[in-house]
Amino acid sequence: MNSLQDTTVVLVHGAWADGTCWQNVILPLRHQGFKVTCAPIPLTSLTDDIAALQRVLERTTGPVILAGHAYGGAVIAGSHDSRVKSLVYVAALAPDEGETVADVFYRAEPHPDAPRLAPDEHGFIWMPEEGFSKAVAHRVSQEQATIMFAVQRPIAVKCIQEKAPRPTWGTKPSWYLLAEEDRMISPETQLYMANRMGATVRSHQVDHSPMLTAPDLVVEVILEAAHQTLGD
């Protein structure tokens, strides 16, 4: 039986973000005895991002729990490292083999408050300022939304148009934190993806960024995944 104290939780951010989006869950996970690291993905293509995650995994020892937010869900499913014991999706996208992130993201009609997105002349998509306070994290303070806008990292169109490789959620246990108030990824789409992957679903009245606005719930789901796949 694996010891939880030997386990690393690797947190993967989504678009328009970096590892600091996990700031409210890092210390609680450390207090539970886990090692914790955030994978800095370049957001330049799905292949690039999966490779960046693998480089982070190479720096860890022992069993791993992977958690991904939003676009990060497509990234965590691309790692075939045998030390990854379970996957945790936080309002995350889960394309199947041959699908693109765009296929699942645009599966449902957009929320009325969802931002209109288009790439710039360099092929990168930036989030407009009001998009953070109205859709990405509509439960954060206006001050926090302003900071999120200022530090955002754009996502390349290649990330959402590249066909996904065979996802490991087909062979590894998965958990899905479904955000019932999500204005970026339709809750209906989230449930479709979670059911398709056979995930354990935990549905809550939270926004698209619960790691910022409801971190206790995120920690709770990660702990459940760790305990059920690794033991106490």
Protein backbone atom coordinates (compact mmCIF):
# COMPACT_ATOMS: atom_id res chain seq x y z
CA MET A 1 0.00 0.00 0.00
CA ASN A 2 1.35 3.40 -0.97
CA SER A 3 1.86 6.06 1.68
CA LEU A 4 0.09 9.35 1.09
CA GLN A 5 3.19 11.07 2.44
CA ASP A 6 5.13 9.76 -0.56
CA THR A 7 2.56 11.16 -2.98
CA THR A 8 2.90 14.29 -5.08
CA VAL A 9 -0.15 16.23 -6.20
CA VAL A 10 0.63 17.90 -9.51
CA LEU A 11 -1.68 20.80 -10.32
CA VAL A 12 -2.15 21.89 -13.94
CA HIS A 13 -3.58 25.31 -14.72
CA GLY A 14 -5.77 26.17 -17.68
CA ALA A 15 -5.87 29.02 -20.17
CA TRP A 16 -5.26 32.63 -19.14
CA ALA A 17 -3.64 31.49 -15.91
CA ASP A 18 -0.51 30.13 -14.27
CA GLY A 19 0.22 28.04 -11.20
CA THR A 20 -0.85 30.80 -8.82
CA CYS A 21 -4.47 30.00 -9.65
CA TRP A 22 -3.98 27.06 -7.25
CA GLN A 23 -2.68 29.26 -4.42
CA ASN A 24 -5.62 28.53 -2.12
CA VAL A 25 -5.23 24.74 -2.29
CA ILE A 26 -1.44 24.34 -2.14
CA LEU A 27 -0.95 24.83 1.60
CA PRO A 28 -4.03 22.81 2.62
CA LEU A 29 -2.69 19.89 0.57
CA ARG A 30 0.76 20.32 2.12
CA HIS A 31 -0.84 20.28 5.57
CA GLN A 32 -2.35 16.90 4.64
CA GLY A 33 1.17 15.60 4.09
CA PHE A 34 1.31 15.67 0.29
CA LYS A 35 4.12 17.04 -1.79
CA VAL A 36 2.63 19.63 -4.15
CA THR A 37 3.87 21.17 -7.36
CA CYS A 38 2.27 23.21 -10.13
CA ALA A 39 3.13 22.36 -13.72
CA PRO A 40 3.94 25.48 -15.75
CA ILE A 41 2.56 24.70 -19.19
CA PRO A 42 3.37 27.05 -22.09
CA LEU A 43 -0.13 27.11 -23.63
CA THR A 44 1.42 26.88 -27.11
CA SER A 45 -0.04 23.55 -28.29
CA LEU A 46 -1.57 20.51 -26.67
CA THR A 47 1.55 18.50 -27.55
CA ASP A 48 3.83 21.16 -26.03
CA ASP A 49 1.74 21.31 -22.87
CA ILE A 50 1.69 17.54 -22.37
CA ALA A 51 5.47 17.49 -22.85
CA ALA A 52 5.87 20.26 -20.27
CA LEU A 53 3.78 18.27 -17.80
CA GLN A 54 5.94 15.21 -18.40
CA ARG A 55 9.07 17.22 -17.58
CA VAL A 56 7.50 18.15 -14.26
CA LEU A 57 6.56 14.53 -13.57
CA GLU A 58 10.18 13.52 -14.17
CA ARG A 59 11.14 15.74 -11.23
CA THR A 60 8.85 13.85 -8.84
CA THR A 61 9.23 10.53 -7.04
CA GLY A 62 6.58 8.12 -5.85
CA PRO A 63 2.90 8.04 -6.78
CA VAL A 64 1.22 11.07 -8.36
CA ILE A 65 -2.28 12.52 -8.33
CA LEU A 66 -2.89 14.79 -11.32
CA ALA A 67 -5.42 17.63 -11.08
CA GLY A 68 -6.31 19.86 -14.00
CA HIS A 69 -8.49 22.93 -14.32
CA ALA A 70 -10.42 23.78 -17.50
CA TYR A 71 -8.04 23.31 -20.48
CA GLY A 72 -5.65 21.57 -18.07
CA GLY A 73 -7.99 18.58 -18.14
CA ALA A 74 -6.94 17.82 -21.70
CA VAL A 75 -3.30 18.05 -20.63
CA ILE A 76 -3.44 15.69 -17.65
CA ALA A 77 -5.11 12.97 -19.73
CA GLY A 78 -2.16 13.04 -22.11
CA SER A 79 0.36 11.73 -19.59
CA HIS A 80 0.89 7.97 -19.68
CA ASP A 81 3.29 7.93 -16.73
CA SER A 82 2.62 4.75 -14.75
CA ARG A 83 3.11 6.57 -11.44
CA VAL A 84 -0.04 8.64 -12.03
CA LYS A 85 -2.66 6.87 -9.93
CA SER A 86 -5.73 9.04 -10.50
CA LEU A 87 -6.96 12.13 -12.31
CA VAL A 88 -8.96 14.99 -10.83
CA TYR A 89 -10.90 17.28 -13.15
CA VAL A 90 -11.84 20.71 -11.80
CA ALA A 91 -14.49 22.11 -14.16
CA ALA A 92 -12.17 20.69 -16.80
CA LEU A 93 -12.26 19.68 -20.45
CA ALA A 94 -11.86 16.03 -21.37
CA PRO A 95 -11.65 15.42 -25.11
CA ASP A 96 -11.54 11.82 -26.26
CA GLU A 97 -8.97 10.48 -28.70
CA GLY A 98 -9.24 12.34 -32.00
CA GLU A 99 -11.39 15.12 -30.57
CA THR A 100 -10.15 18.66 -30.08
CA VAL A 101 -10.56 20.87 -27.04
CA ALA A 102 -12.74 23.11 -29.20
CA ASP A 103 -15.02 20.16 -30.00
CA VAL A 104 -15.99 19.76 -26.37
CA PHE A 105 -15.72 23.43 -25.34
CA TYR A 106 -18.20 24.52 -28.00
CA ARG A 107 -20.46 21.49 -27.63
CA ALA A 108 -23.21 23.54 -25.92
CA GLU A 109 -24.55 27.04 -26.46
CA PRO A 110 -22.43 29.63 -24.63
CA HIS A 111 -23.66 31.25 -21.43
CA PRO A 112 -25.02 34.79 -21.96
CA ASP A 113 -22.14 36.17 -19.89
CA ALA A 114 -19.45 34.15 -21.65
CA PRO A 115 -16.87 36.34 -23.40
CA ARG A 116 -16.50 36.51 -27.16
CA LEU A 117 -13.07 35.14 -27.96
CA ALA A 118 -10.94 35.47 -31.08
CA PRO A 119 -7.22 35.00 -31.74
CA ASP A 120 -4.87 37.90 -32.35
CA GLU A 121 -2.61 38.15 -35.39
CA HIS A 122 -0.11 35.83 -33.68
CA GLY A 123 -2.62 33.03 -33.12
CA PHE A 124 -3.10 33.64 -29.38
CA ILE A 125 -6.41 34.15 -27.60
CA TRP A 126 -6.54 36.75 -24.83
CA MET A 127 -9.31 37.08 -22.26
CA PRO A 128 -11.01 40.51 -22.16
CA GLU A 129 -11.02 42.15 -18.76
CA GLU A 130 -14.74 41.73 -18.14
CA GLY A 131 -14.42 38.04 -18.97
CA PHE A 132 -12.75 37.33 -15.64
CA SER A 133 -15.37 39.00 -13.45
CA LYS A 134 -18.33 37.79 -15.51
CA ALA A 135 -17.34 34.25 -16.50
CA VAL A 136 -13.88 32.92 -15.59
CA ALA A 137 -14.32 33.57 -11.88
CA HIS A 138 -17.51 35.50 -11.29
CA ARG A 139 -17.42 34.81 -7.56
CA VAL A 140 -14.03 36.44 -6.91
CA SER A 141 -13.71 40.04 -5.75
CA GLN A 142 -13.35 42.75 -8.37
CA GLU A 143 -9.81 43.31 -7.11
CA GLN A 144 -8.92 39.67 -7.69
CA ALA A 145 -10.49 39.73 -11.15
CA THR A 146 -8.41 42.79 -11.99
CA ILE A 147 -5.24 40.96 -10.97
CA MET A 148 -6.23 37.89 -13.00
CA PHE A 149 -6.65 40.07 -16.07
CA ALA A 150 -3.29 41.73 -15.56
CA VAL A 151 -1.29 38.51 -15.13
CA GLN A 152 -3.14 36.38 -17.70
CA ARG A 153 -1.24 34.17 -20.13
CA PRO A 154 -2.89 33.76 -23.53
CA ILE A 155 -3.63 30.38 -25.06
CA ALA A 156 -2.63 29.49 -28.61
CA VAL A 157 -5.31 28.43 -31.06
CA LYS A 158 -3.16 25.32 -31.65
CA CYS A 159 -4.05 24.15 -28.13
CA ILE A 160 -7.74 23.90 -28.89
CA GLN A 161 -7.51 22.75 -32.51
CA GLU A 162 -5.04 19.89 -32.09
CA LYS A 163 -6.57 16.42 -31.89
CA ALA A 164 -6.15 14.83 -28.49
CA PRO A 165 -4.15 11.63 -28.03
CA ARG A 166 -5.61 8.55 -26.33
CA PRO A 167 -6.68 9.79 -22.88
CA THR A 168 -5.62 7.98 -19.75
CA TRP A 169 -9.01 8.52 -18.14
CA GLY A 170 -9.92 5.37 -20.05
CA THR A 171 -7.62 3.33 -17.81
CA LYS A 172 -7.12 5.37 -14.63
CA PRO A 173 -9.71 6.28 -11.97
CA SER A 174 -11.01 9.81 -12.37
CA TRP A 175 -12.89 12.34 -10.26
CA TYR A 176 -14.81 15.31 -11.63
CA LEU A 177 -15.72 18.47 -9.70
CA LEU A 178 -18.69 19.75 -11.69
CA ALA A 179 -19.23 23.50 -11.43
CA GLU A 180 -22.98 24.05 -11.54
CA GLU A 181 -22.62 27.83 -11.98
CA ASP A 182 -19.94 27.63 -14.67
CA ARG A 183 -20.26 30.31 -17.35
CA MET A 184 -17.26 29.15 -19.42
CA ILE A 185 -17.84 25.40 -19.80
CA SER A 186 -21.47 24.38 -19.77
CA PRO A 187 -22.42 22.24 -16.73
CA GLU A 188 -24.28 20.02 -19.21
CA THR A 189 -21.04 19.51 -21.14
CA GLN A 190 -19.16 18.84 -17.92
CA LEU A 191 -21.63 16.12 -16.97
CA TYR A 192 -21.42 14.60 -20.46
CA MET A 193 -17.62 14.41 -20.26
CA ALA A 194 -17.60 13.14 -16.67
CA ASN A 195 -20.10 10.38 -17.44
CA ARG A 196 -18.25 9.40 -20.60
CA MET A 197 -15.01 8.92 -18.71
CA GLY A 198 -16.76 7.04 -15.91
CA ALA A 199 -15.60 9.59 -13.36
CA THR A 200 -16.79 9.91 -9.79
CA VAL A 201 -18.79 13.15 -10.02
CA ARG A 202 -18.95 15.72 -7.25
CA SER A 203 -21.38 18.47 -8.28
CA HIS A 204 -21.46 21.80 -6.42
CA GLN A 205 -22.84 25.31 -6.81
CA VAL A 206 -19.52 26.90 -7.67
CA ASP A 207 -18.19 29.05 -10.51
CA HIS A 208 -15.66 28.14 -13.18
CA SER A 209 -12.69 28.65 -10.85
CA PRO A 210 -13.50 26.81 -7.60
CA MET A 211 -9.80 26.45 -6.72
CA LEU A 212 -9.97 30.20 -6.06
CA THR A 213 -13.53 30.59 -4.82
CA ALA A 214 -14.23 27.24 -3.11
CA PRO A 215 -10.79 25.75 -2.41
CA ASP A 216 -12.02 23.47 0.39
CA LEU A 217 -14.17 21.59 -2.13
CA VAL A 218 -11.24 21.16 -4.49
CA VAL A 219 -9.03 19.86 -1.68
CA GLU A 220 -11.82 17.51 -0.61
CA VAL A 221 -12.09 15.93 -4.06
CA ILE A 222 -8.31 15.57 -4.39
CA LEU A 223 -8.18 13.92 -0.95
CA GLU A 224 -10.97 11.53 -1.94
CA ALA A 225 -9.09 10.55 -5.08
CA ALA A 226 -5.88 10.02 -3.13
CA HIS A 227 -7.45 7.95 -0.36
CA GLN A 228 -9.43 5.73 -2.70
CA THR A 229 -6.56 5.03 -5.10
CA LEU A 230 -3.63 4.93 -2.66
CA GLY A 231 -5.12 3.97 0.68
CA ASP A 232 -4.49 5.67 4.03
